Amino acid sequence: MPIKIPSTLPAANVLTEEGVMVMSEDQAAKQDIRPMRIALLNLMPKKIETETQFARLIGAHPLQIELTLIRPSEHTSKTTSQAHIGAFYQPWEDVRDQKFDGLIITGAPIEHMDFEDVTYWGEISQIFDWTQTNVHSTFGVCWGGMAMINYFHGVKKHILDAKAFGCFPQKNLAPASPYLRGFSDTCVVPVSRWTEMRQSEIDAANGLTTLLGSDEVGPCLVQDTDHRALYIFNHFEYDTGTLKGEYDRDVAKGAPINIPMNYYPDEDPKNPPENRWRSHGHLLYANWINEMYLTTPFDINRIGETVKDRRN
């Protein structure tokens, strides 16, 4: 089954050209099935690029997916046109009474700020609580994952001396996990962050299990069973050229930046980068959707009806 998104969303043409099945609302209405409802809370400045990346991952699945794009009600994007935001995004206040099978919360370029200093932290905190009653499974990515694990468990983020930047091998620490079904013993994941979560602090919290981790750049993927959530601090969703774009941008600005490790052949930026994470990225998100499908109520209105507030 394909992903259902507006036909005028820029991602629609990109995904169609890549062979991902995209379905119009009219086509979807003719199918006598309940689609999986997944929302994307997009906090990234390059919203079109980010929404395309995640739509690609969740659209390559045999189930019909209905993607809803949402944004914080209290924050106005300065880097994406308001015409695009108005056409395709709904403020969270407008969807807070709805139920979703899944929610993806993206990263945000605010790593150096304390969580409480983020201008929309109050609303983000409300959204985290809302996931416990209105969302069956939540996937926090990079800053989104760090913010969730801090909110629910008090795990802190720590500033790094130098940016963790490149493609780093990750160990499969839980081969029996349904989220890692089909994973090899190691996989490569793009990393781009100035902060880290520490394994010792994750181990000290209740109910957390690290599924993927690296000796070089720390924990990568963490399961939070009590809150029906996954937290990933790295970027399976990145395009082949995303790290290159970040590197070229900083070089052009004269900002201090290292060549992304294990990314360019022979560590030479003159060589085209190689994508060595695409298959595992698709596999992870397919496993997430499959697990969600097996456990979510058929009647979407029953999501969260027996879930109590589990915040620690």
C-alpha atoms as a PDB file:
ATOM      1  CA  MET A   1       0.000   0.000   0.000  1.00  0.00           C
ATOM      2  CA  PRO A   2       1.185   3.570  -0.618  1.00  0.00           C
ATOM      3  CA  ILE A   3       1.498   6.645   1.532  1.00  0.00           C
ATOM      4  CA  LYS A   4      -1.368   9.150   1.419  1.00  0.00           C
ATOM      5  CA  ILE A   5      -0.159  12.748   1.204  1.00  0.00           C
ATOM      6  CA  PRO A   6      -1.508  15.848  -0.592  1.00  0.00           C
ATOM      7  CA  SER A   7      -0.721  15.648  -4.304  1.00  0.00           C
ATOM      8  CA  THR A   8       0.686  19.193  -4.227  1.00  0.00           C
ATOM      9  CA  LEU A   9       3.151  18.498  -1.403  1.00  0.00           C
ATOM     10  CA  PRO A  10       6.688  18.779  -2.868  1.00  0.00           C
ATOM     11  CA  ALA A  11       7.499  15.331  -1.489  1.00  0.00           C
ATOM     12  CA  ALA A  12       4.845  13.767  -3.737  1.00  0.00           C
ATOM     13  CA  ASN A  13       6.789  14.326  -6.967  1.00  0.00           C
ATOM     14  CA  VAL A  14      10.102  13.327  -5.397  1.00  0.00           C
ATOM     15  CA  LEU A  15       8.732  10.061  -4.020  1.00  0.00           C
ATOM     16  CA  THR A  16       6.882   9.231  -7.242  1.00  0.00           C
ATOM     17  CA  GLU A  17      10.094   9.669  -9.248  1.00  0.00           C
ATOM     18  CA  GLU A  18      11.855   7.342  -6.779  1.00  0.00           C
ATOM     19  CA  GLY A  19       9.235   4.651  -7.227  1.00  0.00           C
ATOM     20  CA  VAL A  20       7.512   5.103  -3.852  1.00  0.00           C
ATOM     21  CA  MET A  21       3.751   4.584  -4.233  1.00  0.00           C
ATOM     22  CA  VAL A  22       1.877   7.808  -3.509  1.00  0.00           C
ATOM     23  CA  MET A  23      -1.925   7.772  -3.216  1.00  0.00           C
ATOM     24  CA  SER A  24      -4.362  10.642  -3.621  1.00  0.00           C
ATOM     25  CA  GLU A  25      -7.150  11.222  -1.126  1.00  0.00           C
ATOM     26  CA  ASP A  26      -9.736  10.082  -3.700  1.00  0.00           C
ATOM     27  CA  GLN A  27      -7.893   6.806  -4.267  1.00  0.00           C
ATOM     28  CA  ALA A  28      -7.493   6.219  -0.540  1.00  0.00           C
ATOM     29  CA  ALA A  29     -11.216   6.747   0.071  1.00  0.00           C
ATOM     30  CA  LYS A  30     -12.037   3.847  -2.259  1.00  0.00           C
ATOM     31  CA  GLN A  31     -10.087   1.328  -0.163  1.00  0.00           C
ATOM     32  CA  ASP A  32     -12.145  -0.345   2.548  1.00  0.00           C
ATOM     33  CA  ILE A  33      -9.368  -0.402   5.163  1.00  0.00           C
ATOM     34  CA  ARG A  34      -8.269   1.791   8.035  1.00  0.00           C
ATOM     35  CA  PRO A  35      -5.011   3.527   7.148  1.00  0.00           C
ATOM     36  CA  MET A  36      -2.301   3.905   9.759  1.00  0.00           C
ATOM     37  CA  ARG A  37      -2.355   7.517  10.913  1.00  0.00           C
ATOM     38  CA  ILE A  38       1.140   8.912  11.468  1.00  0.00           C
ATOM     39  CA  ALA A  39       1.862  12.548  12.335  1.00  0.00           C
ATOM     40  CA  LEU A  40       5.162  14.340  11.776  1.00  0.00           C
ATOM     41  CA  LEU A  41       5.957  17.160  14.204  1.00  0.00           C
ATOM     42  CA  ASN A  42       8.543  18.908  12.060  1.00  0.00           C
ATOM     43  CA  LEU A  43      10.862  21.179  14.049  1.00  0.00           C
ATOM     44  CA  MET A  44      13.604  21.396  11.420  1.00  0.00           C
ATOM     45  CA  PRO A  45      14.253  24.651   9.535  1.00  0.00           C
ATOM     46  CA  LYS A  46      14.393  22.896   6.132  1.00  0.00           C
ATOM     47  CA  LYS A  47      10.867  21.568   6.412  1.00  0.00           C
ATOM     48  CA  ILE A  48      10.404  20.425   2.800  1.00  0.00           C
ATOM     49  CA  GLU A  49      13.643  18.419   2.870  1.00  0.00           C
ATOM     50  CA  THR A  50      12.785  16.853   6.235  1.00  0.00           C
ATOM     51  CA  GLU A  51       9.190  15.959   5.389  1.00  0.00           C
ATOM     52  CA  THR A  52      10.400  14.289   2.186  1.00  0.00           C
ATOM     53  CA  GLN A  53      13.002  12.248   4.075  1.00  0.00           C
ATOM     54  CA  PHE A  54      10.506  10.866   6.578  1.00  0.00           C
ATOM     55  CA  ALA A  55       7.752  10.369   4.005  1.00  0.00           C
ATOM     56  CA  ARG A  56      10.216   8.260   2.011  1.00  0.00           C
ATOM     57  CA  LEU A  57      10.897   5.996   4.990  1.00  0.00           C
ATOM     58  CA  ILE A  58       7.321   5.450   6.116  1.00  0.00           C
ATOM     59  CA  GLY A  59       5.976   5.301   2.559  1.00  0.00           C
ATOM     60  CA  ALA A  60       8.040   2.229   1.620  1.00  0.00           C
ATOM     61  CA  HIS A  61       5.734  -0.087   3.580  1.00  0.00           C
ATOM     62  CA  PRO A  62       2.922  -2.415   2.459  1.00  0.00           C
ATOM     63  CA  LEU A  63       0.364  -0.716   4.726  1.00  0.00           C
ATOM     64  CA  GLN A  64      -1.548   2.398   3.728  1.00  0.00           C
ATOM     65  CA  ILE A  65      -0.116   5.351   5.663  1.00  0.00           C
ATOM     66  CA  GLU A  66      -1.890   8.659   6.161  1.00  0.00           C
ATOM     67  CA  LEU A  67       0.692  11.338   6.965  1.00  0.00           C
ATOM     68  CA  THR A  68      -0.320  14.470   8.864  1.00  0.00           C
ATOM     69  CA  LEU A  69       2.158  17.344   9.107  1.00  0.00           C
ATOM     70  CA  ILE A  70       1.961  19.343  12.327  1.00  0.00           C
ATOM     71  CA  ARG A  71       3.880  22.219  13.898  1.00  0.00           C
ATOM     72  CA  PRO A  72       4.009  23.897  17.288  1.00  0.00           C
ATOM     73  CA  SER A  73       1.165  26.381  17.561  1.00  0.00           C
ATOM     74  CA  GLU A  74       3.381  28.881  19.394  1.00  0.00           C
ATOM     75  CA  HIS A  75       6.287  28.939  16.924  1.00  0.00           C
ATOM     76  CA  THR A  76       6.511  30.591  13.496  1.00  0.00           C
ATOM     77  CA  SER A  77       9.064  29.207  11.050  1.00  0.00           C
ATOM     78  CA  LYS A  78      11.419  31.806   9.592  1.00  0.00           C
ATOM     79  CA  THR A  79      13.094  29.500   7.061  1.00  0.00           C
ATOM     80  CA  THR A  80      10.118  27.938   5.232  1.00  0.00           C
ATOM     81  CA  SER A  81       7.551  29.975   3.327  1.00  0.00           C
ATOM     82  CA  GLN A  82       4.338  30.662   5.193  1.00  0.00           C
ATOM     83  CA  ALA A  83       2.482  29.635   2.031  1.00  0.00           C
ATOM     84  CA  HIS A  84       3.916  26.118   2.374  1.00  0.00           C
ATOM     85  CA  ILE A  85       3.284  26.032   6.125  1.00  0.00           C
ATOM     86  CA  GLY A  86      -0.287  27.246   5.680  1.00  0.00           C
ATOM     87  CA  ALA A  87      -1.035  24.794   2.884  1.00  0.00           C
ATOM     88  CA  PHE A  88       0.322  21.610   4.458  1.00  0.00           C
ATOM     89  CA  TYR A  89       0.825  22.023   8.223  1.00  0.00           C
ATOM     90  CA  GLN A  90      -1.679  22.069  11.048  1.00  0.00           C
ATOM     91  CA  PRO A  91      -0.899  23.687  14.398  1.00  0.00           C
ATOM     92  CA  TRP A  92      -0.862  21.138  17.210  1.00  0.00           C
ATOM     93  CA  GLU A  93      -3.776  22.907  18.906  1.00  0.00           C
ATOM     94  CA  ASP A  94      -5.919  22.004  15.886  1.00  0.00           C
ATOM     95  CA  VAL A  95      -5.163  18.265  16.102  1.00  0.00           C
ATOM     96  CA  ARG A  96      -4.838  17.737  19.854  1.00  0.00           C
ATOM     97  CA  ASP A  97      -8.286  16.111  20.016  1.00  0.00           C
ATOM     98  CA  GLN A  98      -7.350  13.581  17.324  1.00  0.00           C
ATOM     99  CA  LYS A  99      -5.781  10.131  17.775  1.00  0.00           C
ATOM    100  CA  PHE A 100      -2.716   8.869  15.891  1.00  0.00           C
ATOM    101  CA  ASP A 101      -1.144   5.456  15.589  1.00  0.00           C
ATOM    102  CA  GLY A 102       2.299   7.027  15.366  1.00  0.00           C
ATOM    103  CA  LEU A 103       4.074  10.343  15.851  1.00  0.00           C
ATOM    104  CA  ILE A 104       7.567  11.326  14.716  1.00  0.00           C
ATOM    105  CA  ILE A 105       9.155  14.303  16.488  1.00  0.00           C
ATOM    106  CA  THR A 106      12.144  15.603  14.535  1.00  0.00           C
ATOM    107  CA  GLY A 107      15.344  17.207  15.651  1.00  0.00           C
ATOM    108  CA  ALA A 108      15.786  20.965  15.948  1.00  0.00           C
ATOM    109  CA  PRO A 109      18.875  23.211  15.615  1.00  0.00           C
ATOM    110  CA  ILE A 110      18.757  24.274  19.276  1.00  0.00           C
ATOM    111  CA  GLU A 111      21.139  21.760  20.834  1.00  0.00           C
ATOM    112  CA  HIS A 112      23.151  24.276  22.824  1.00  0.00           C
ATOM    113  CA  MET A 113      20.077  25.645  24.600  1.00  0.00           C
ATOM    114  CA  ASP A 114      18.780  24.223  27.853  1.00  0.00           C
ATOM    115  CA  PHE A 115      15.461  22.530  27.197  1.00  0.00           C
ATOM    116  CA  GLU A 116      13.569  24.951  29.414  1.00  0.00           C
ATOM    117  CA  ASP A 117      15.002  27.934  27.494  1.00  0.00           C
ATOM    118  CA  VAL A 118      13.446  26.840  24.186  1.00  0.00           C
ATOM    119  CA  THR A 119      10.677  29.316  23.412  1.00  0.00           C
ATOM    120  CA  TYR A 120       8.110  26.606  22.701  1.00  0.00           C
ATOM    121  CA  TRP A 121       9.180  24.221  25.483  1.00  0.00           C
ATOM    122  CA  GLY A 122       5.879  24.679  27.317  1.00  0.00           C
ATOM    123  CA  GLU A 123       3.931  23.463  24.296  1.00  0.00           C
ATOM    124  CA  ILE A 124       6.410  20.672  23.553  1.00  0.00           C
ATOM    125  CA  SER A 125       5.946  19.453  27.127  1.00  0.00           C
ATOM    126  CA  GLN A 126       2.199  19.400  26.591  1.00  0.00           C
ATOM    127  CA  ILE A 127       2.733  17.410  23.393  1.00  0.00           C
ATOM    128  CA  PHE A 128       4.862  14.863  25.254  1.00  0.00           C
ATOM    129  CA  ASP A 129       2.050  14.385  27.782  1.00  0.00           C
ATOM    130  CA  TRP A 130      -0.487  14.238  24.924  1.00  0.00           C
ATOM    131  CA  THR A 131       1.392  11.307  23.365  1.00  0.00           C
ATOM    132  CA  GLN A 132       0.441   9.233  26.403  1.00  0.00           C
ATOM    133  CA  THR A 133      -3.278   9.555  25.680  1.00  0.00           C
ATOM    134  CA  ASN A 134      -3.573  10.273  21.950  1.00  0.00           C
ATOM    135  CA  VAL A 135      -0.633   8.486  20.274  1.00  0.00           C
ATOM    136  CA  HIS A 136       0.026   4.750  20.251  1.00  0.00           C
ATOM    137  CA  SER A 137       3.770   4.937  19.476  1.00  0.00           C
ATOM    138  CA  THR A 138       6.143   7.917  19.351  1.00  0.00           C
ATOM    139  CA  PHE A 139       9.520   8.153  17.611  1.00  0.00           C
ATOM    140  CA  GLY A 140      11.731  10.995  18.898  1.00  0.00           C
ATOM    141  CA  VAL A 141      14.611  11.826  16.541  1.00  0.00           C
ATOM    142  CA  CYS A 142      17.872  13.582  17.551  1.00  0.00           C
ATOM    143  CA  TRP A 143      16.819  16.656  19.619  1.00  0.00           C
ATOM    144  CA  GLY A 144      13.258  15.302  19.683  1.00  0.00           C
ATOM    145  CA  GLY A 145      14.505  12.067  21.250  1.00  0.00           C
ATOM    146  CA  MET A 146      16.811  13.888  23.658  1.00  0.00           C
ATOM    147  CA  ALA A 147      13.990  16.155  24.772  1.00  0.00           C
ATOM    148  CA  MET A 148      11.602  13.246  25.353  1.00  0.00           C
ATOM    149  CA  ILE A 149      14.060  11.119  27.315  1.00  0.00           C
ATOM    150  CA  ASN A 150      14.887  14.158  29.440  1.00  0.00           C
ATOM    151  CA  TYR A 151      11.229  15.012  30.033  1.00  0.00           C
ATOM    152  CA  PHE A 152      10.118  11.509  30.989  1.00  0.00           C
ATOM    153  CA  HIS A 153      13.292  10.253  32.683  1.00  0.00           C
ATOM    154  CA  GLY A 154      15.477  13.245  33.552  1.00  0.00           C
ATOM    155  CA  VAL A 155      18.354  11.986  31.374  1.00  0.00           C
ATOM    156  CA  LYS A 156      20.543  14.994  30.588  1.00  0.00           C
ATOM    157  CA  LYS A 157      22.205  16.024  27.356  1.00  0.00           C
ATOM    158  CA  HIS A 158      25.864  16.953  27.520  1.00  0.00           C
ATOM    159  CA  ILE A 159      27.765  19.369  25.288  1.00  0.00           C
ATOM    160  CA  LEU A 160      30.591  17.749  23.317  1.00  0.00           C
ATOM    161  CA  ASP A 161      34.040  19.304  22.924  1.00  0.00           C
ATOM    162  CA  ALA A 162      33.778  18.771  19.166  1.00  0.00           C
ATOM    163  CA  LYS A 163      30.867  17.985  16.876  1.00  0.00           C
ATOM    164  CA  ALA A 164      30.113  14.282  16.384  1.00  0.00           C
ATOM    165  CA  PHE A 165      29.971  14.339  12.600  1.00  0.00           C
ATOM    166  CA  GLY A 166      30.078  11.510  10.092  1.00  0.00           C
ATOM    167  CA  CYS A 167      28.930   7.912   9.643  1.00  0.00           C
ATOM    168  CA  PHE A 168      29.614   5.702  12.628  1.00  0.00           C
ATOM    169  CA  PRO A 169      29.152   1.945  13.073  1.00  0.00           C
ATOM    170  CA  GLN A 170      26.548   0.971  15.651  1.00  0.00           C
ATOM    171  CA  LYS A 171      26.397  -2.329  17.527  1.00  0.00           C
ATOM    172  CA  ASN A 172      23.188  -4.319  17.534  1.00  0.00           C
ATOM    173  CA  LEU A 173      22.715  -4.660  21.294  1.00  0.00           C
ATOM    174  CA  ALA A 174      19.287  -6.339  21.212  1.00  0.00           C
ATOM    175  CA  PRO A 175      19.032  -8.757  18.252  1.00  0.00           C
ATOM    176  CA  ALA A 176      15.747 -10.169  19.574  1.00  0.00           C
ATOM    177  CA  SER A 177      14.026  -6.765  19.568  1.00  0.00           C
ATOM    178  CA  PRO A 178      11.175  -6.544  17.043  1.00  0.00           C
ATOM    179  CA  TYR A 179      12.494  -3.108  16.100  1.00  0.00           C
ATOM    180  CA  LEU A 180      15.805  -4.651  14.965  1.00  0.00           C
ATOM    181  CA  ARG A 181      14.306  -7.590  13.111  1.00  0.00           C
ATOM    182  CA  GLY A 182      16.551  -8.276  10.094  1.00  0.00           C
ATOM    183  CA  PHE A 183      19.386  -6.034  11.342  1.00  0.00           C
ATOM    184  CA  SER A 184      22.971  -7.150  10.953  1.00  0.00           C
ATOM    185  CA  ASP A 185      25.348  -7.234  13.940  1.00  0.00           C
ATOM    186  CA  THR A 186      26.552  -3.730  13.077  1.00  0.00           C
ATOM    187  CA  CYS A 187      25.132  -0.952  10.948  1.00  0.00           C
ATOM    188  CA  VAL A 188      26.244   2.521   9.926  1.00  0.00           C
ATOM    189  CA  VAL A 189      24.257   5.622  10.890  1.00  0.00           C
ATOM    190  CA  PRO A 190      24.869   9.301  10.040  1.00  0.00           C
ATOM    191  CA  VAL A 191      25.628  11.432  13.102  1.00  0.00           C
ATOM    192  CA  SER A 192      25.501  15.230  13.275  1.00  0.00           C
ATOM    193  CA  ARG A 193      25.269  16.737  16.758  1.00  0.00           C
ATOM    194  CA  TRP A 194      27.051  18.843  19.336  1.00  0.00           C
ATOM    195  CA  THR A 195      25.536  16.995  22.288  1.00  0.00           C
ATOM    196  CA  GLU A 196      25.314  13.462  23.603  1.00  0.00           C
ATOM    197  CA  MET A 197      23.289  11.297  25.946  1.00  0.00           C
ATOM    198  CA  ARG A 198      25.405   9.098  28.212  1.00  0.00           C
ATOM    199  CA  GLN A 199      24.842   5.378  28.480  1.00  0.00           C
ATOM    200  CA  SER A 200      25.494   5.337  32.224  1.00  0.00           C
ATOM    201  CA  GLU A 201      22.619   7.767  32.805  1.00  0.00           C
ATOM    202  CA  ILE A 202      20.308   5.811  30.527  1.00  0.00           C
ATOM    203  CA  ASP A 203      21.184   2.634  32.417  1.00  0.00           C
ATOM    204  CA  ALA A 204      20.349   4.371  35.691  1.00  0.00           C
ATOM    205  CA  ALA A 205      16.842   5.279  34.524  1.00  0.00           C
ATOM    206  CA  ASN A 206      13.940   2.849  34.835  1.00  0.00           C
ATOM    207  CA  GLY A 207      12.364   1.213  31.800  1.00  0.00           C
ATOM    208  CA  LEU A 208      14.931   2.151  29.150  1.00  0.00           C
ATOM    209  CA  THR A 209      16.701  -0.328  26.864  1.00  0.00           C
ATOM    210  CA  THR A 210      19.481   0.680  24.461  1.00  0.00           C
ATOM    211  CA  LEU A 211      19.034  -1.166  21.165  1.00  0.00           C
ATOM    212  CA  LEU A 212      21.854   0.366  19.094  1.00  0.00           C
ATOM    213  CA  GLY A 213      25.039   1.969  20.415  1.00  0.00           C
ATOM    214  CA  SER A 214      28.584   2.962  19.505  1.00  0.00           C
ATOM    215  CA  ASP A 215      31.853   3.054  21.404  1.00  0.00           C
ATOM    216  CA  GLU A 216      32.709   6.268  19.532  1.00  0.00           C
ATOM    217  CA  VAL A 217      29.515   8.307  19.711  1.00  0.00           C
ATOM    218  CA  GLY A 218      27.493   6.654  22.463  1.00  0.00           C
ATOM    219  CA  PRO A 219      23.902   5.373  22.530  1.00  0.00           C
ATOM    220  CA  CYS A 220      21.952   5.618  19.288  1.00  0.00           C
ATOM    221  CA  LEU A 221      18.525   3.971  19.633  1.00  0.00           C
ATOM    222  CA  VAL A 222      16.709   3.582  22.954  1.00  0.00           C
ATOM    223  CA  GLN A 223      13.360   1.927  23.666  1.00  0.00           C
ATOM    224  CA  ASP A 224      11.065   3.350  26.350  1.00  0.00           C
ATOM    225  CA  THR A 225       8.435   0.664  26.863  1.00  0.00           C
ATOM    226  CA  ASP A 226       6.397   2.469  29.524  1.00  0.00           C
ATOM    227  CA  HIS A 227       5.905   5.494  27.296  1.00  0.00           C
ATOM    228  CA  ARG A 228       5.523   3.504  24.055  1.00  0.00           C
ATOM    229  CA  ALA A 229       8.407   5.401  22.518  1.00  0.00           C
ATOM    230  CA  LEU A 230      11.676   5.042  20.667  1.00  0.00           C
ATOM    231  CA  TYR A 231      14.438   7.651  20.919  1.00  0.00           C
ATOM    232  CA  ILE A 232      17.103   7.853  18.226  1.00  0.00           C
ATOM    233  CA  PHE A 233      19.884  10.400  18.556  1.00  0.00           C
ATOM    234  CA  ASN A 234      21.251   9.990  15.009  1.00  0.00           C
ATOM    235  CA  HIS A 235      19.849  10.213  11.484  1.00  0.00           C
ATOM    236  CA  PHE A 236      18.793   7.171   9.474  1.00  0.00           C
ATOM    237  CA  GLU A 237      16.510   9.533   7.522  1.00  0.00           C
ATOM    238  CA  TYR A 238      19.358  11.562   5.999  1.00  0.00           C
ATOM    239  CA  ASP A 239      19.763  11.706   2.232  1.00  0.00           C
ATOM    240  CA  THR A 240      23.082  10.729   0.697  1.00  0.00           C
ATOM    241  CA  GLY A 241      24.122  14.378   0.423  1.00  0.00           C
ATOM    242  CA  THR A 242      22.818  15.745   3.733  1.00  0.00           C
ATOM    243  CA  LEU A 243      26.133  15.598   5.598  1.00  0.00           C
ATOM    244  CA  LYS A 244      27.872  17.027   2.522  1.00  0.00           C
ATOM    245  CA  GLY A 245      25.447  19.950   2.550  1.00  0.00           C
ATOM    246  CA  GLU A 246      26.181  20.632   6.218  1.00  0.00           C
ATOM    247  CA  TYR A 247      29.930  20.385   5.644  1.00  0.00           C
ATOM    248  CA  ASP A 248      29.899  22.630   2.549  1.00  0.00           C
ATOM    249  CA  ARG A 249      27.741  25.184   4.370  1.00  0.00           C
ATOM    250  CA  ASP A 250      30.148  25.456   7.297  1.00  0.00           C
ATOM    251  CA  VAL A 251      33.206  25.587   5.036  1.00  0.00           C
ATOM    252  CA  ALA A 252      31.607  28.427   3.061  1.00  0.00           C
ATOM    253  CA  LYS A 253      30.882  30.290   6.312  1.00  0.00           C
ATOM    254  CA  GLY A 254      34.414  29.756   7.584  1.00  0.00           C
ATOM    255  CA  ALA A 255      33.021  27.923  10.615  1.00  0.00           C
ATOM    256  CA  PRO A 256      35.229  25.306  12.283  1.00  0.00           C
ATOM    257  CA  ILE A 257      34.175  21.895  11.005  1.00  0.00           C
ATOM    258  CA  ASN A 258      35.857  18.545  10.529  1.00  0.00           C
ATOM    259  CA  ILE A 259      35.425  16.420   7.427  1.00  0.00           C
ATOM    260  CA  PRO A 260      32.577  14.009   8.256  1.00  0.00           C
ATOM    261  CA  MET A 261      34.205  10.734   9.276  1.00  0.00           C
ATOM    262  CA  ASN A 262      33.694   7.542   7.258  1.00  0.00           C
ATOM    263  CA  TYR A 263      31.556   9.409   4.724  1.00  0.00           C
ATOM    264  CA  TYR A 264      33.642  10.311   1.688  1.00  0.00           C
ATOM    265  CA  PRO A 265      35.627   7.532  -0.021  1.00  0.00           C
ATOM    266  CA  ASP A 266      39.264   7.844   1.078  1.00  0.00           C
ATOM    267  CA  GLU A 267      38.090  10.632   3.458  1.00  0.00           C
ATOM    268  CA  ASP A 268      38.367  13.034   0.494  1.00  0.00           C
ATOM    269  CA  PRO A 269      35.544  15.617   0.119  1.00  0.00           C
ATOM    270  CA  LYS A 270      36.262  15.726  -3.621  1.00  0.00           C
ATOM    271  CA  ASN A 271      34.798  12.211  -3.909  1.00  0.00           C
ATOM    272  CA  PRO A 272      31.019  11.692  -4.050  1.00  0.00           C
ATOM    273  CA  PRO A 273      29.769  10.398  -0.681  1.00  0.00           C
ATOM    274  CA  GLU A 274      28.455   6.860  -0.366  1.00  0.00           C
ATOM    275  CA  ASN A 275      25.152   5.934   1.264  1.00  0.00           C
ATOM    276  CA  ARG A 276      25.719   2.912   3.534  1.00  0.00           C
ATOM    277  CA  TRP A 277      22.709   3.368   5.840  1.00  0.00           C
ATOM    278  CA  ARG A 278      19.709   3.462   3.493  1.00  0.00           C
ATOM    279  CA  SER A 279      18.679  -0.202   3.844  1.00  0.00           C
ATOM    280  CA  HIS A 280      18.874  -0.238   7.647  1.00  0.00           C
ATOM    281  CA  GLY A 281      16.956   3.038   7.798  1.00  0.00           C
ATOM    282  CA  HIS A 282      14.099   1.581   5.778  1.00  0.00           C
ATOM    283  CA  LEU A 283      14.225  -1.589   7.871  1.00  0.00           C
ATOM    284  CA  LEU A 284      14.014   0.260  11.192  1.00  0.00           C
ATOM    285  CA  TYR A 285      11.012   2.356  10.208  1.00  0.00           C
ATOM    286  CA  ALA A 286       9.299  -0.647   8.606  1.00  0.00           C
ATOM    287  CA  ASN A 287       9.783  -2.588  11.849  1.00  0.00           C
ATOM    288  CA  TRP A 288       8.380   0.353  13.830  1.00  0.00           C
ATOM    289  CA  ILE A 289       5.295   0.523  11.623  1.00  0.00           C
ATOM    290  CA  ASN A 290       4.846  -3.252  11.729  1.00  0.00           C
ATOM    291  CA  GLU A 291       5.023  -3.330  15.523  1.00  0.00           C
ATOM    292  CA  MET A 292       2.610  -0.409  15.680  1.00  0.00           C
ATOM    293  CA  TYR A 293       0.191  -2.185  13.333  1.00  0.00           C
ATOM    294  CA  LEU A 294       0.257  -5.362  15.458  1.00  0.00           C
ATOM    295  CA  THR A 295      -0.492  -3.547  18.713  1.00  0.00           C
ATOM    296  CA  THR A 296      -2.619  -0.482  17.918  1.00  0.00           C
ATOM    297  CA  PRO A 297      -6.415  -0.723  18.433  1.00  0.00           C
ATOM    298  CA  PHE A 298      -8.442  -1.195  15.261  1.00  0.00           C
ATOM    299  CA  ASP A 299     -10.821   1.454  16.585  1.00  0.00           C
ATOM    300  CA  ILE A 300      -8.475   4.426  16.582  1.00  0.00           C
ATOM    301  CA  ASN A 301     -10.635   6.196  19.159  1.00  0.00           C
ATOM    302  CA  ARG A 302      -9.566   3.579  21.725  1.00  0.00           C
ATOM    303  CA  ILE A 303      -5.924   4.670  21.598  1.00  0.00           C
ATOM    304  CA  GLY A 304      -4.878   5.738  25.069  1.00  0.00           C
ATOM    305  CA  GLU A 305      -8.232   5.035  26.721  1.00  0.00           C
ATOM    306  CA  THR A 306      -6.686   2.808  29.403  1.00  0.00           C
ATOM    307  CA  VAL A 307      -3.297   4.509  29.598  1.00  0.00           C
ATOM    308  CA  LYS A 308      -2.517   6.350  32.828  1.00  0.00           C
ATOM    309  CA  ASP A 309      -0.065   9.188  33.283  1.00  0.00           C
ATOM    310  CA  ARG A 310       3.291   7.407  33.589  1.00  0.00           C
ATOM    311  CA  ARG A 311       5.561  10.387  33.804  1.00  0.00           C
ATOM    312  CA  ASN A 312       8.320   9.750  36.380  1.00  0.00           C
END
